[in-house]
Amino acid sequence: MAILSLRIGIETEVLLSANDIQDQVKPSLEDFASGLVQHYNARVSERSGQTEMRMAFDTWHASEDPINFQYWSVLEEPSIDPDEDHWGLEFASPIIRYEPGSPWRENLHSHFQIIRSYAQIMSDVTCGTHVHVSPGDSKWTLEQAKNVSRSILYFEEAFEVLLPPDRRGNRECRSNRFDNPQLKHLPDLEACFEKIQGCTTIKNLVHLINASEVDPLNLNVIEESNGEKAVTERCYGFNFENLLEGKIGTIEFRRPPCVTNYEDCVMWAEFGASFIHAAMQFGTSLKHLRAYGPHVEGLAAFVEQAAVPNMNDQEILNRMFARGSGCLPVGPLKFSHYY
């Protein structure tokens, strides 16, 4: 049976330069963000169906506070490296219903219109875009999460083609296979899939897909059923850490680059949601995945197989798949994402 509803969330990290010099020369980032929020909400009051924005500077991350799921949130993002002419901020969307008839694309377009009426949106290699996905009205099952895991590993070289160079080999969005200490030494996909199949709980799967061999700031220590400590980290192309108990219950697609306009943002969000939508249903085995081929053309056919009328937008997806063809081997990690 086709899945007819997902919940998604979009996070965009950007550099901003206010259109009005009086708005630009604020004494602090928080003051700049406060002025932006006031402008945003004044414009929202003139538009029906658009969600207000709120400040979230009192939390490390917008998802820490469930109230943020009702609003657009603006917060400081420490990984952004602004200069003296730009302010670095992250915008986090409210929960979006990704389902037939949802007005989410129109609302996202309006969001960008309002931001651009206040400031120029600039790109930077220290900025990225993240798309959170969860089932529409339930929690992830272990089998759904395994299906997504298999699909990620199978299509990684197709993803490499579609990404801009600054998101390849980027330590903020590492390969879930080739940069993963639990998987990178395995001889082939069959061995990787055996590891995935051997996971008996979602916690086991998170430990596998988001394994860490170092001790960076972005790690999370979890305890296995046998009492052993497992170290995970979120800085992979696909982050499963939010599936752990007590967290927000999403798989996070972290590979997209910084977006400065609606057209690019909706393309990456559509692609991330549509890929996971297909993967959770059809990533059941290596035999099934091999019917497509590990290249962009196979990825496009795989995503299209799951398409639901008025839910997935094929025209937007076609723009994504027109970015390239074939596949590209996953290269080594670069020293950092500050190129």
C-alpha atoms as a PDB file:
ATOM      1  CA  MET A   1       0.000   0.000   0.000  1.00  0.00           C
ATOM      2  CA  ALA A   2       1.335   3.418  -0.955  1.00  0.00           C
ATOM      3  CA  ILE A   3       2.366   5.794   1.814  1.00  0.00           C
ATOM      4  CA  LEU A   4       0.216   8.881   1.438  1.00  0.00           C
ATOM      5  CA  SER A   5       1.596  11.176   4.128  1.00  0.00           C
ATOM      6  CA  LEU A   6       4.922  12.260   5.572  1.00  0.00           C
ATOM      7  CA  ARG A   7       5.948  14.989   7.960  1.00  0.00           C
ATOM      8  CA  ILE A   8       8.966  17.035   6.937  1.00  0.00           C
ATOM      9  CA  GLY A   9      10.965  19.904   8.363  1.00  0.00           C
ATOM     10  CA  ILE A  10      13.373  22.161   6.479  1.00  0.00           C
ATOM     11  CA  GLU A  11      16.414  23.905   7.990  1.00  0.00           C
ATOM     12  CA  THR A  12      18.313  26.483   5.956  1.00  0.00           C
ATOM     13  CA  GLU A  13      21.620  28.024   7.043  1.00  0.00           C
ATOM     14  CA  VAL A  14      22.281  31.333   5.266  1.00  0.00           C
ATOM     15  CA  LEU A  15      24.128  34.632   5.297  1.00  0.00           C
ATOM     16  CA  LEU A  16      21.964  37.754   5.280  1.00  0.00           C
ATOM     17  CA  SER A  17      22.586  41.392   4.454  1.00  0.00           C
ATOM     18  CA  ALA A  18      19.654  43.717   5.252  1.00  0.00           C
ATOM     19  CA  ASN A  19      18.250  45.812   2.429  1.00  0.00           C
ATOM     20  CA  ASP A  20      18.065  48.854   4.709  1.00  0.00           C
ATOM     21  CA  ILE A  21      21.334  50.041   6.252  1.00  0.00           C
ATOM     22  CA  GLN A  22      19.534  50.812   9.526  1.00  0.00           C
ATOM     23  CA  ASP A  23      18.483  47.182   9.782  1.00  0.00           C
ATOM     24  CA  GLN A  24      21.956  45.940   8.862  1.00  0.00           C
ATOM     25  CA  VAL A  25      23.969  47.886  11.462  1.00  0.00           C
ATOM     26  CA  LYS A  26      22.487  46.223  14.545  1.00  0.00           C
ATOM     27  CA  PRO A  27      24.709  45.843  17.629  1.00  0.00           C
ATOM     28  CA  SER A  28      24.360  42.050  17.775  1.00  0.00           C
ATOM     29  CA  LEU A  29      23.166  39.014  15.850  1.00  0.00           C
ATOM     30  CA  GLU A  30      20.218  38.658  18.207  1.00  0.00           C
ATOM     31  CA  ASP A  31      19.187  42.274  17.583  1.00  0.00           C
ATOM     32  CA  PHE A  32      19.391  41.707  13.828  1.00  0.00           C
ATOM     33  CA  ALA A  33      17.293  38.547  14.114  1.00  0.00           C
ATOM     34  CA  SER A  34      14.736  40.320  16.296  1.00  0.00           C
ATOM     35  CA  GLY A  35      14.265  43.025  13.674  1.00  0.00           C
ATOM     36  CA  LEU A  36      13.867  40.379  10.993  1.00  0.00           C
ATOM     37  CA  VAL A  37      11.234  38.516  13.035  1.00  0.00           C
ATOM     38  CA  GLN A  38       9.228  41.712  13.585  1.00  0.00           C
ATOM     39  CA  HIS A  39       9.305  42.436   9.847  1.00  0.00           C
ATOM     40  CA  TYR A  40       8.413  38.834   9.005  1.00  0.00           C
ATOM     41  CA  ASN A  41       5.392  38.665  11.309  1.00  0.00           C
ATOM     42  CA  ALA A  42       4.088  42.020  10.101  1.00  0.00           C
ATOM     43  CA  ARG A  43       4.125  40.643   6.539  1.00  0.00           C
ATOM     44  CA  VAL A  44       2.563  37.338   7.658  1.00  0.00           C
ATOM     45  CA  SER A  45      -0.400  39.233   9.104  1.00  0.00           C
ATOM     46  CA  GLU A  46      -1.182  40.344   5.544  1.00  0.00           C
ATOM     47  CA  ARG A  47      -1.167  36.775   4.138  1.00  0.00           C
ATOM     48  CA  SER A  48      -3.581  33.985   4.915  1.00  0.00           C
ATOM     49  CA  GLY A  49      -2.226  30.534   5.711  1.00  0.00           C
ATOM     50  CA  GLN A  50       1.348  31.667   6.420  1.00  0.00           C
ATOM     51  CA  THR A  51       2.979  30.703   9.718  1.00  0.00           C
ATOM     52  CA  GLU A  52       4.602  33.285  12.000  1.00  0.00           C
ATOM     53  CA  MET A  53       8.271  33.273  12.995  1.00  0.00           C
ATOM     54  CA  ARG A  54       9.723  33.241  16.500  1.00  0.00           C
ATOM     55  CA  MET A  55      13.155  33.677  18.040  1.00  0.00           C
ATOM     56  CA  ALA A  56      14.847  30.471  19.223  1.00  0.00           C
ATOM     57  CA  PHE A  57      18.122  31.889  20.521  1.00  0.00           C
ATOM     58  CA  ASP A  58      17.541  30.293  23.928  1.00  0.00           C
ATOM     59  CA  THR A  59      17.992  26.757  22.569  1.00  0.00           C
ATOM     60  CA  TRP A  60      21.012  25.061  21.036  1.00  0.00           C
ATOM     61  CA  HIS A  61      18.852  23.809  18.206  1.00  0.00           C
ATOM     62  CA  ALA A  62      15.314  24.613  17.091  1.00  0.00           C
ATOM     63  CA  SER A  63      14.217  20.980  17.469  1.00  0.00           C
ATOM     64  CA  GLU A  64      15.023  21.037  21.196  1.00  0.00           C
ATOM     65  CA  ASP A  65      11.813  22.941  21.923  1.00  0.00           C
ATOM     66  CA  PRO A  66       8.570  21.302  20.669  1.00  0.00           C
ATOM     67  CA  ILE A  67       6.894  24.733  20.537  1.00  0.00           C
ATOM     68  CA  ASN A  68       9.154  25.504  17.583  1.00  0.00           C
ATOM     69  CA  PHE A  69       7.347  22.887  15.501  1.00  0.00           C
ATOM     70  CA  GLN A  70       4.401  25.306  15.209  1.00  0.00           C
ATOM     71  CA  TYR A  71       6.396  28.246  13.796  1.00  0.00           C
ATOM     72  CA  TRP A  72       9.238  29.216  11.569  1.00  0.00           C
ATOM     73  CA  SER A  73      12.151  29.587  13.976  1.00  0.00           C
ATOM     74  CA  VAL A  74      15.287  31.689  13.619  1.00  0.00           C
ATOM     75  CA  LEU A  75      18.386  30.848  15.614  1.00  0.00           C
ATOM     76  CA  GLU A  76      22.133  31.170  15.729  1.00  0.00           C
ATOM     77  CA  GLU A  77      24.084  28.425  13.951  1.00  0.00           C
ATOM     78  CA  PRO A  78      27.680  28.173  15.259  1.00  0.00           C
ATOM     79  CA  SER A  79      28.987  26.380  12.153  1.00  0.00           C
ATOM     80  CA  ILE A  80      28.270  29.396   9.901  1.00  0.00           C
ATOM     81  CA  ASP A  81      31.295  31.601   9.281  1.00  0.00           C
ATOM     82  CA  PRO A  82      29.945  35.107   8.520  1.00  0.00           C
ATOM     83  CA  ASP A  83      32.009  38.142   7.553  1.00  0.00           C
ATOM     84  CA  GLU A  84      31.660  41.779   8.607  1.00  0.00           C
ATOM     85  CA  ASP A  85      29.044  42.467   5.908  1.00  0.00           C
ATOM     86  CA  HIS A  86      26.735  39.521   6.605  1.00  0.00           C
ATOM     87  CA  TRP A  87      24.846  37.952   9.478  1.00  0.00           C
ATOM     88  CA  GLY A  88      24.698  34.155   9.754  1.00  0.00           C
ATOM     89  CA  LEU A  89      21.368  32.598  10.777  1.00  0.00           C
ATOM     90  CA  GLU A  90      19.452  29.352  10.537  1.00  0.00           C
ATOM     91  CA  PHE A  91      15.751  29.138   9.705  1.00  0.00           C
ATOM     92  CA  ALA A  92      13.816  26.054  10.799  1.00  0.00           C
ATOM     93  CA  SER A  93      10.361  25.402   9.403  1.00  0.00           C
ATOM     94  CA  PRO A  94       7.307  24.285  11.338  1.00  0.00           C
ATOM     95  CA  ILE A  95       6.189  20.688  10.763  1.00  0.00           C
ATOM     96  CA  ILE A  96       5.113  20.415   7.129  1.00  0.00           C
ATOM     97  CA  ARG A  97       2.517  17.900   5.972  1.00  0.00           C
ATOM     98  CA  TYR A  98       3.927  16.303   2.824  1.00  0.00           C
ATOM     99  CA  GLU A  99       0.796  14.733   1.359  1.00  0.00           C
ATOM    100  CA  PRO A 100      -1.678  15.162  -1.511  1.00  0.00           C
ATOM    101  CA  GLY A 101      -3.138  18.650  -1.588  1.00  0.00           C
ATOM    102  CA  SER A 102      -0.737  20.151   0.953  1.00  0.00           C
ATOM    103  CA  PRO A 103      -0.003  23.869   0.369  1.00  0.00           C
ATOM    104  CA  TRP A 104       3.551  23.534   1.683  1.00  0.00           C
ATOM    105  CA  ARG A 105       5.256  24.637  -1.543  1.00  0.00           C
ATOM    106  CA  GLU A 106       3.201  27.811  -1.748  1.00  0.00           C
ATOM    107  CA  ASN A 107       3.937  28.544   1.910  1.00  0.00           C
ATOM    108  CA  LEU A 108       7.665  27.955   1.376  1.00  0.00           C
ATOM    109  CA  HIS A 109       7.593  30.340  -1.591  1.00  0.00           C
ATOM    110  CA  SER A 110       5.925  32.988   0.569  1.00  0.00           C
ATOM    111  CA  HIS A 111       8.563  32.440   3.277  1.00  0.00           C
ATOM    112  CA  PHE A 112      11.359  33.274   0.843  1.00  0.00           C
ATOM    113  CA  GLN A 113       9.489  36.289  -0.503  1.00  0.00           C
ATOM    114  CA  ILE A 114       9.215  37.752   3.004  1.00  0.00           C
ATOM    115  CA  ILE A 115      12.863  37.096   3.872  1.00  0.00           C
ATOM    116  CA  ARG A 116      14.018  38.678   0.610  1.00  0.00           C
ATOM    117  CA  SER A 117      11.861  41.755   1.279  1.00  0.00           C
ATOM    118  CA  TYR A 118      14.068  42.328   4.343  1.00  0.00           C
ATOM    119  CA  ALA A 119      17.500  41.088   3.296  1.00  0.00           C
ATOM    120  CA  GLN A 120      19.642  39.650   0.534  1.00  0.00           C
ATOM    121  CA  ILE A 121      20.233  35.925   1.026  1.00  0.00           C
ATOM    122  CA  MET A 122      23.813  34.864   0.333  1.00  0.00           C
ATOM    123  CA  SER A 123      25.447  31.436   0.021  1.00  0.00           C
ATOM    124  CA  ASP A 124      28.586  30.182   1.709  1.00  0.00           C
ATOM    125  CA  VAL A 125      30.366  26.817   1.933  1.00  0.00           C
ATOM    126  CA  THR A 126      29.915  26.844   5.714  1.00  0.00           C
ATOM    127  CA  CYS A 127      26.120  26.825   5.252  1.00  0.00           C
ATOM    128  CA  GLY A 128      23.908  23.882   4.359  1.00  0.00           C
ATOM    129  CA  THR A 129      20.300  22.770   4.096  1.00  0.00           C
ATOM    130  CA  HIS A 130      18.763  19.886   6.061  1.00  0.00           C
ATOM    131  CA  VAL A 131      15.485  18.051   5.453  1.00  0.00           C
ATOM    132  CA  HIS A 132      13.905  16.063   8.298  1.00  0.00           C
ATOM    133  CA  VAL A 133      11.465  13.287   7.381  1.00  0.00           C
ATOM    134  CA  SER A 134       9.160  11.066   9.427  1.00  0.00           C
ATOM    135  CA  PRO A 135       6.039   8.981   8.684  1.00  0.00           C
ATOM    136  CA  GLY A 136       2.867  11.041   8.556  1.00  0.00           C
ATOM    137  CA  ASP A 137       0.972   9.724  11.560  1.00  0.00           C
ATOM    138  CA  SER A 138       3.197   7.110  13.181  1.00  0.00           C
ATOM    139  CA  LYS A 139       6.736   6.380  14.304  1.00  0.00           C
ATOM    140  CA  TRP A 140       9.420   4.814  12.166  1.00  0.00           C
ATOM    141  CA  THR A 141       9.353   1.028  12.187  1.00  0.00           C
ATOM    142  CA  LEU A 142      12.621  -0.894  12.229  1.00  0.00           C
ATOM    143  CA  GLU A 143      11.939  -2.305   8.752  1.00  0.00           C
ATOM    144  CA  GLN A 144      11.221   1.126   7.281  1.00  0.00           C
ATOM    145  CA  ALA A 145      14.461   2.492   8.745  1.00  0.00           C
ATOM    146  CA  LYS A 146      16.397  -0.520   7.407  1.00  0.00           C
ATOM    147  CA  ASN A 147      14.895   0.033   3.939  1.00  0.00           C
ATOM    148  CA  VAL A 148      16.066   3.646   3.988  1.00  0.00           C
ATOM    149  CA  SER A 149      19.532   2.562   5.161  1.00  0.00           C
ATOM    150  CA  ARG A 150      19.909   0.096   2.289  1.00  0.00           C
ATOM    151  CA  SER A 151      18.747   2.670  -0.253  1.00  0.00           C
ATOM    152  CA  ILE A 152      21.214   5.277   1.033  1.00  0.00           C
ATOM    153  CA  LEU A 153      24.175   2.941   0.634  1.00  0.00           C
ATOM    154  CA  TYR A 154      23.048   1.670  -2.765  1.00  0.00           C
ATOM    155  CA  PHE A 155      22.537   5.100  -4.346  1.00  0.00           C
ATOM    156  CA  GLU A 156      25.450   6.994  -2.738  1.00  0.00           C
ATOM    157  CA  GLU A 157      27.386   7.311  -5.992  1.00  0.00           C
ATOM    158  CA  ALA A 158      24.304   8.730  -7.726  1.00  0.00           C
ATOM    159  CA  PHE A 159      23.955  11.319  -4.964  1.00  0.00           C
ATOM    160  CA  GLU A 160      27.585  12.352  -5.541  1.00  0.00           C
ATOM    161  CA  VAL A 161      26.703  13.406  -9.099  1.00  0.00           C
ATOM    162  CA  LEU A 162      23.848  15.620  -7.948  1.00  0.00           C
ATOM    163  CA  LEU A 163      25.795  17.401  -5.209  1.00  0.00           C
ATOM    164  CA  PRO A 164      27.903  20.523  -5.734  1.00  0.00           C
ATOM    165  CA  PRO A 165      31.649  20.044  -5.096  1.00  0.00           C
ATOM    166  CA  ASP A 166      31.600  21.704  -1.657  1.00  0.00           C
ATOM    167  CA  ARG A 167      29.177  19.037  -0.347  1.00  0.00           C
ATOM    168  CA  ARG A 168      31.384  16.146  -1.512  1.00  0.00           C
ATOM    169  CA  GLY A 169      33.942  15.008   1.036  1.00  0.00           C
ATOM    170  CA  ASN A 170      32.395  17.455   3.506  1.00  0.00           C
ATOM    171  CA  ARG A 171      32.768  16.495   7.163  1.00  0.00           C
ATOM    172  CA  GLU A 172      29.348  17.949   7.958  1.00  0.00           C
ATOM    173  CA  CYS A 173      27.637  15.424   5.654  1.00  0.00           C
ATOM    174  CA  ARG A 174      29.868  12.349   5.436  1.00  0.00           C
ATOM    175  CA  SER A 175      29.220   9.179   3.475  1.00  0.00           C
ATOM    176  CA  ASN A 176      27.178   6.720   5.546  1.00  0.00           C
ATOM    177  CA  ARG A 177      29.229   3.912   4.037  1.00  0.00           C
ATOM    178  CA  PHE A 178      32.708   5.036   3.044  1.00  0.00           C
ATOM    179  CA  ASP A 179      33.294   7.364   6.036  1.00  0.00           C
ATOM    180  CA  ASN A 180      31.670   4.965   8.499  1.00  0.00           C
ATOM    181  CA  PRO A 181      34.062   2.948  10.712  1.00  0.00           C
ATOM    182  CA  GLN A 182      31.543   0.102  10.934  1.00  0.00           C
ATOM    183  CA  LEU A 183      31.076  -0.235   7.165  1.00  0.00           C
ATOM    184  CA  LYS A 184      34.011   1.237   5.241  1.00  0.00           C
ATOM    185  CA  HIS A 185      36.214  -1.865   5.568  1.00  0.00           C
ATOM    186  CA  LEU A 186      33.543  -4.307   4.386  1.00  0.00           C
ATOM    187  CA  PRO A 187      34.210  -5.776   0.926  1.00  0.00           C
ATOM    188  CA  ASP A 188      30.877  -5.053  -0.786  1.00  0.00           C
ATOM    189  CA  LEU A 189      27.255  -4.014  -0.447  1.00  0.00           C
ATOM    190  CA  GLU A 190      26.201  -7.566   0.392  1.00  0.00           C
ATOM    191  CA  ALA A 191      28.306  -7.411   3.549  1.00  0.00           C
ATOM    192  CA  CYS A 192      26.931  -3.982   4.432  1.00  0.00           C
ATOM    193  CA  PHE A 193      23.371  -5.190   3.970  1.00  0.00           C
ATOM    194  CA  GLU A 194      24.058  -8.210   6.200  1.00  0.00           C
ATOM    195  CA  LYS A 195      25.112  -5.772   8.922  1.00  0.00           C
ATOM    196  CA  ILE A 196      21.904  -3.804   8.461  1.00  0.00           C
ATOM    197  CA  GLN A 197      19.774  -6.939   8.497  1.00  0.00           C
ATOM    198  CA  GLY A 198      21.468  -8.043  11.720  1.00  0.00           C
ATOM    199  CA  CYS A 199      20.202  -4.980  13.612  1.00  0.00           C
ATOM    200  CA  THR A 200      17.395  -6.080  15.939  1.00  0.00           C
ATOM    201  CA  THR A 201      16.431  -2.640  17.249  1.00  0.00           C
ATOM    202  CA  ILE A 202      16.373   0.908  15.920  1.00  0.00           C
ATOM    203  CA  LYS A 203      19.065   1.743  18.482  1.00  0.00           C
ATOM    204  CA  ASN A 204      21.311  -0.943  16.914  1.00  0.00           C
ATOM    205  CA  LEU A 205      20.663   0.532  13.475  1.00  0.00           C
ATOM    206  CA  VAL A 206      21.513   4.083  14.603  1.00  0.00           C
ATOM    207  CA  HIS A 207      24.760   2.773  16.097  1.00  0.00           C
ATOM    208  CA  LEU A 208      25.593   1.184  12.748  1.00  0.00           C
ATOM    209  CA  ILE A 209      24.563   3.905  10.279  1.00  0.00           C
ATOM    210  CA  ASN A 210      25.866   6.819  12.387  1.00  0.00           C
ATOM    211  CA  ALA A 211      28.893   5.137  13.957  1.00  0.00           C
ATOM    212  CA  SER A 212      31.775   7.291  15.204  1.00  0.00           C
ATOM    213  CA  GLU A 213      35.399   6.361  15.761  1.00  0.00           C
ATOM    214  CA  VAL A 214      36.385   9.765  17.119  1.00  0.00           C
ATOM    215  CA  ASP A 215      35.176  12.019  19.904  1.00  0.00           C
ATOM    216  CA  PRO A 216      33.985  15.244  18.197  1.00  0.00           C
ATOM    217  CA  LEU A 217      31.545  17.788  19.551  1.00  0.00           C
ATOM    218  CA  ASN A 218      28.721  16.257  17.514  1.00  0.00           C
ATOM    219  CA  LEU A 219      28.711  12.781  19.066  1.00  0.00           C
ATOM    220  CA  ASN A 220      26.087  11.016  21.138  1.00  0.00           C
ATOM    221  CA  VAL A 221      26.830   8.144  23.535  1.00  0.00           C
ATOM    222  CA  ILE A 222      24.194   5.426  23.716  1.00  0.00           C
ATOM    223  CA  GLU A 223      24.078   2.203  25.715  1.00  0.00           C
ATOM    224  CA  GLU A 224      23.492  -1.095  23.935  1.00  0.00           C
ATOM    225  CA  SER A 225      21.312  -3.856  25.385  1.00  0.00           C
ATOM    226  CA  ASN A 226      24.447  -5.716  26.522  1.00  0.00           C
ATOM    227  CA  GLY A 227      25.547  -2.689  28.541  1.00  0.00           C
ATOM    228  CA  GLU A 228      28.342  -1.624  26.169  1.00  0.00           C
ATOM    229  CA  LYS A 229      28.711   2.025  25.212  1.00  0.00           C
ATOM    230  CA  ALA A 230      28.302   2.948  21.554  1.00  0.00           C
ATOM    231  CA  VAL A 231      29.362   6.281  20.098  1.00  0.00           C
ATOM    232  CA  THR A 232      27.405   7.890  17.279  1.00  0.00           C
ATOM    233  CA  GLU A 233      27.510  11.229  15.532  1.00  0.00           C
ATOM    234  CA  ARG A 234      25.061  13.179  13.416  1.00  0.00           C
ATOM    235  CA  CYS A 235      27.406  14.590  10.748  1.00  0.00           C
ATOM    236  CA  TYR A 236      26.568  12.082   8.038  1.00  0.00           C
ATOM    237  CA  GLY A 237      24.710  12.642   4.783  1.00  0.00           C
ATOM    238  CA  PHE A 238      21.772  10.958   6.472  1.00  0.00           C
ATOM    239  CA  ASN A 239      21.482  11.362  10.232  1.00  0.00           C
ATOM    240  CA  PHE A 240      19.517   8.668  12.114  1.00  0.00           C
ATOM    241  CA  GLU A 241      20.329   9.885  15.638  1.00  0.00           C
ATOM    242  CA  ASN A 242      16.913  11.541  15.983  1.00  0.00           C
ATOM    243  CA  LEU A 243      15.341   8.057  15.977  1.00  0.00           C
ATOM    244  CA  LEU A 244      16.763   7.366  19.443  1.00  0.00           C
ATOM    245  CA  GLU A 245      14.323   7.308  22.330  1.00  0.00           C
ATOM    246  CA  GLY A 246      13.340  10.761  23.553  1.00  0.00           C
ATOM    247  CA  LYS A 247      14.373  12.531  20.340  1.00  0.00           C
ATOM    248  CA  ILE A 248      12.219  14.030  17.592  1.00  0.00           C
ATOM    249  CA  GLY A 249      11.824  10.874  15.484  1.00  0.00           C
ATOM    250  CA  THR A 250      13.157  12.024  12.105  1.00  0.00           C
ATOM    251  CA  ILE A 251      15.718  10.891   9.565  1.00  0.00           C
ATOM    252  CA  GLU A 252      17.668  13.989   8.574  1.00  0.00           C
ATOM    253  CA  PHE A 253      18.944  14.489   5.016  1.00  0.00           C
ATOM    254  CA  ARG A 254      22.035  16.675   5.514  1.00  0.00           C
ATOM    255  CA  ARG A 255      23.667  16.624   2.075  1.00  0.00           C
ATOM    256  CA  PRO A 256      22.034  19.632   0.347  1.00  0.00           C
ATOM    257  CA  PRO A 257      24.039  22.841  -0.078  1.00  0.00           C
ATOM    258  CA  CYS A 258      23.131  26.326   1.062  1.00  0.00           C
ATOM    259  CA  VAL A 259      20.034  27.595  -0.752  1.00  0.00           C
ATOM    260  CA  THR A 260      19.320  31.271  -1.385  1.00  0.00           C
ATOM    261  CA  ASN A 261      15.983  31.061  -3.171  1.00  0.00           C
ATOM    262  CA  TYR A 262      12.705  29.181  -3.214  1.00  0.00           C
ATOM    263  CA  GLU A 263      13.484  27.252  -6.404  1.00  0.00           C
ATOM    264  CA  ASP A 264      16.593  25.562  -4.994  1.00  0.00           C
ATOM    265  CA  CYS A 265      15.107  25.042  -1.550  1.00  0.00           C
ATOM    266  CA  VAL A 266      11.947  23.347  -2.803  1.00  0.00           C
ATOM    267  CA  MET A 267      14.018  21.180  -5.178  1.00  0.00           C
ATOM    268  CA  TRP A 268      16.226  19.778  -2.407  1.00  0.00           C
ATOM    269  CA  ALA A 269      13.289  19.378  -0.016  1.00  0.00           C
ATOM    270  CA  GLU A 270      11.216  17.628  -2.704  1.00  0.00           C
ATOM    271  CA  PHE A 271      14.126  15.358  -3.553  1.00  0.00           C
ATOM    272  CA  GLY A 272      14.944  14.454   0.052  1.00  0.00           C
ATOM    273  CA  ALA A 273      11.329  13.741   0.959  1.00  0.00           C
ATOM    274  CA  SER A 274      10.628  11.819  -2.264  1.00  0.00           C
ATOM    275  CA  PHE A 275      13.765   9.689  -1.950  1.00  0.00           C
ATOM    276  CA  ILE A 276      12.969   8.701   1.637  1.00  0.00           C
ATOM    277  CA  HIS A 277       9.328   8.177   0.645  1.00  0.00           C
ATOM    278  CA  ALA A 278      10.470   5.652  -1.981  1.00  0.00           C
ATOM    279  CA  ALA A 279      13.203   4.119   0.168  1.00  0.00           C
ATOM    280  CA  MET A 280      11.010   3.315   3.153  1.00  0.00           C
ATOM    281  CA  GLN A 281       8.767   1.265   0.827  1.00  0.00           C
ATOM    282  CA  PHE A 282      11.089  -0.260  -1.763  1.00  0.00           C
ATOM    283  CA  GLY A 283      14.568  -0.529  -0.241  1.00  0.00           C
ATOM    284  CA  THR A 284      13.779  -4.065   0.846  1.00  0.00           C
ATOM    285  CA  SER A 285      16.741  -5.961  -0.571  1.00  0.00           C
ATOM    286  CA  LEU A 286      19.824  -5.677  -2.733  1.00  0.00           C
ATOM    287  CA  LYS A 287      18.076  -7.754  -5.404  1.00  0.00           C
ATOM    288  CA  HIS A 288      15.206  -5.273  -5.592  1.00  0.00           C
ATOM    289  CA  LEU A 289      17.503  -2.225  -5.620  1.00  0.00           C
ATOM    290  CA  ARG A 290      19.674  -3.698  -8.383  1.00  0.00           C
ATOM    291  CA  ALA A 291      16.659  -3.592 -10.687  1.00  0.00           C
ATOM    292  CA  TYR A 292      17.344   0.160 -10.939  1.00  0.00           C
ATOM    293  CA  GLY A 293      21.103   0.549 -11.175  1.00  0.00           C
ATOM    294  CA  PRO A 294      23.220   2.713  -8.795  1.00  0.00           C
ATOM    295  CA  HIS A 295      23.302   5.739 -11.099  1.00  0.00           C
ATOM    296  CA  VAL A 296      21.246   8.917 -11.444  1.00  0.00           C
ATOM    297  CA  GLU A 297      18.946   7.310 -14.000  1.00  0.00           C
ATOM    298  CA  GLY A 298      18.279   4.416 -11.628  1.00  0.00           C
ATOM    299  CA  LEU A 299      17.722   6.783  -8.716  1.00  0.00           C
ATOM    300  CA  ALA A 300      15.197   8.753 -10.770  1.00  0.00           C
ATOM    301  CA  ALA A 301      13.289   5.576 -11.665  1.00  0.00           C
ATOM    302  CA  PHE A 302      13.384   4.423  -8.036  1.00  0.00           C
ATOM    303  CA  VAL A 303      11.920   7.705  -6.777  1.00  0.00           C
ATOM    304  CA  GLU A 304       9.301   7.806  -9.526  1.00  0.00           C
ATOM    305  CA  GLN A 305       8.109   4.302  -8.634  1.00  0.00           C
ATOM    306  CA  ALA A 306       6.716   5.623  -5.334  1.00  0.00           C
ATOM    307  CA  ALA A 307       5.205   8.845  -6.701  1.00  0.00           C
ATOM    308  CA  VAL A 308       1.698   9.722  -5.540  1.00  0.00           C
ATOM    309  CA  PRO A 309      -0.382  12.212  -7.572  1.00  0.00           C
ATOM    310  CA  ASN A 310      -0.554  15.680  -5.980  1.00  0.00           C
ATOM    311  CA  MET A 311       1.988  14.592  -3.340  1.00  0.00           C
ATOM    312  CA  ASN A 312       5.317  14.267  -5.184  1.00  0.00           C
ATOM    313  CA  ASP A 313       6.008  16.976  -7.776  1.00  0.00           C
ATOM    314  CA  GLN A 314       7.632  15.307 -10.782  1.00  0.00           C
ATOM    315  CA  GLU A 315       8.451  18.598 -12.514  1.00  0.00           C
ATOM    316  CA  ILE A 316      10.541  19.718  -9.540  1.00  0.00           C
ATOM    317  CA  LEU A 317      12.227  16.292  -9.329  1.00  0.00           C
ATOM    318  CA  ASN A 318      13.066  16.429 -13.038  1.00  0.00           C
ATOM    319  CA  ARG A 319      15.077  19.606 -12.387  1.00  0.00           C
ATOM    320  CA  MET A 320      17.112  17.707  -9.822  1.00  0.00           C
ATOM    321  CA  PHE A 321      17.777  14.703 -12.049  1.00  0.00           C
ATOM    322  CA  ALA A 322      18.772  16.981 -14.940  1.00  0.00           C
ATOM    323  CA  ARG A 323      21.829  18.054 -12.901  1.00  0.00           C
ATOM    324  CA  GLY A 324      23.849  15.075 -14.126  1.00  0.00           C
ATOM    325  CA  SER A 325      23.909  11.436 -15.154  1.00  0.00           C
ATOM    326  CA  GLY A 326      25.749   8.252 -14.297  1.00  0.00           C
ATOM    327  CA  CYS A 327      27.552   7.871 -10.986  1.00  0.00           C
ATOM    328  CA  LEU A 328      30.604   9.298  -9.234  1.00  0.00           C
ATOM    329  CA  PRO A 329      32.783   7.430  -6.726  1.00  0.00           C
ATOM    330  CA  VAL A 330      32.739   8.803  -3.197  1.00  0.00           C
ATOM    331  CA  GLY A 331      36.015  10.615  -2.592  1.00  0.00           C
ATOM    332  CA  PRO A 332      38.021  11.106   0.602  1.00  0.00           C
ATOM    333  CA  LEU A 333      37.034  13.546   3.294  1.00  0.00           C
ATOM    334  CA  LYS A 334      38.512  17.007   2.972  1.00  0.00           C
ATOM    335  CA  PHE A 335      40.283  18.516   5.951  1.00  0.00           C
ATOM    336  CA  SER A 336      37.274  20.596   6.894  1.00  0.00           C
ATOM    337  CA  HIS A 337      34.281  22.262   5.283  1.00  0.00           C
ATOM    338  CA  TYR A 338      36.071  25.636   5.305  1.00  0.00           C
ATOM    339  CA  TYR A 339      37.603  25.580   1.824  1.00  0.00           C
END
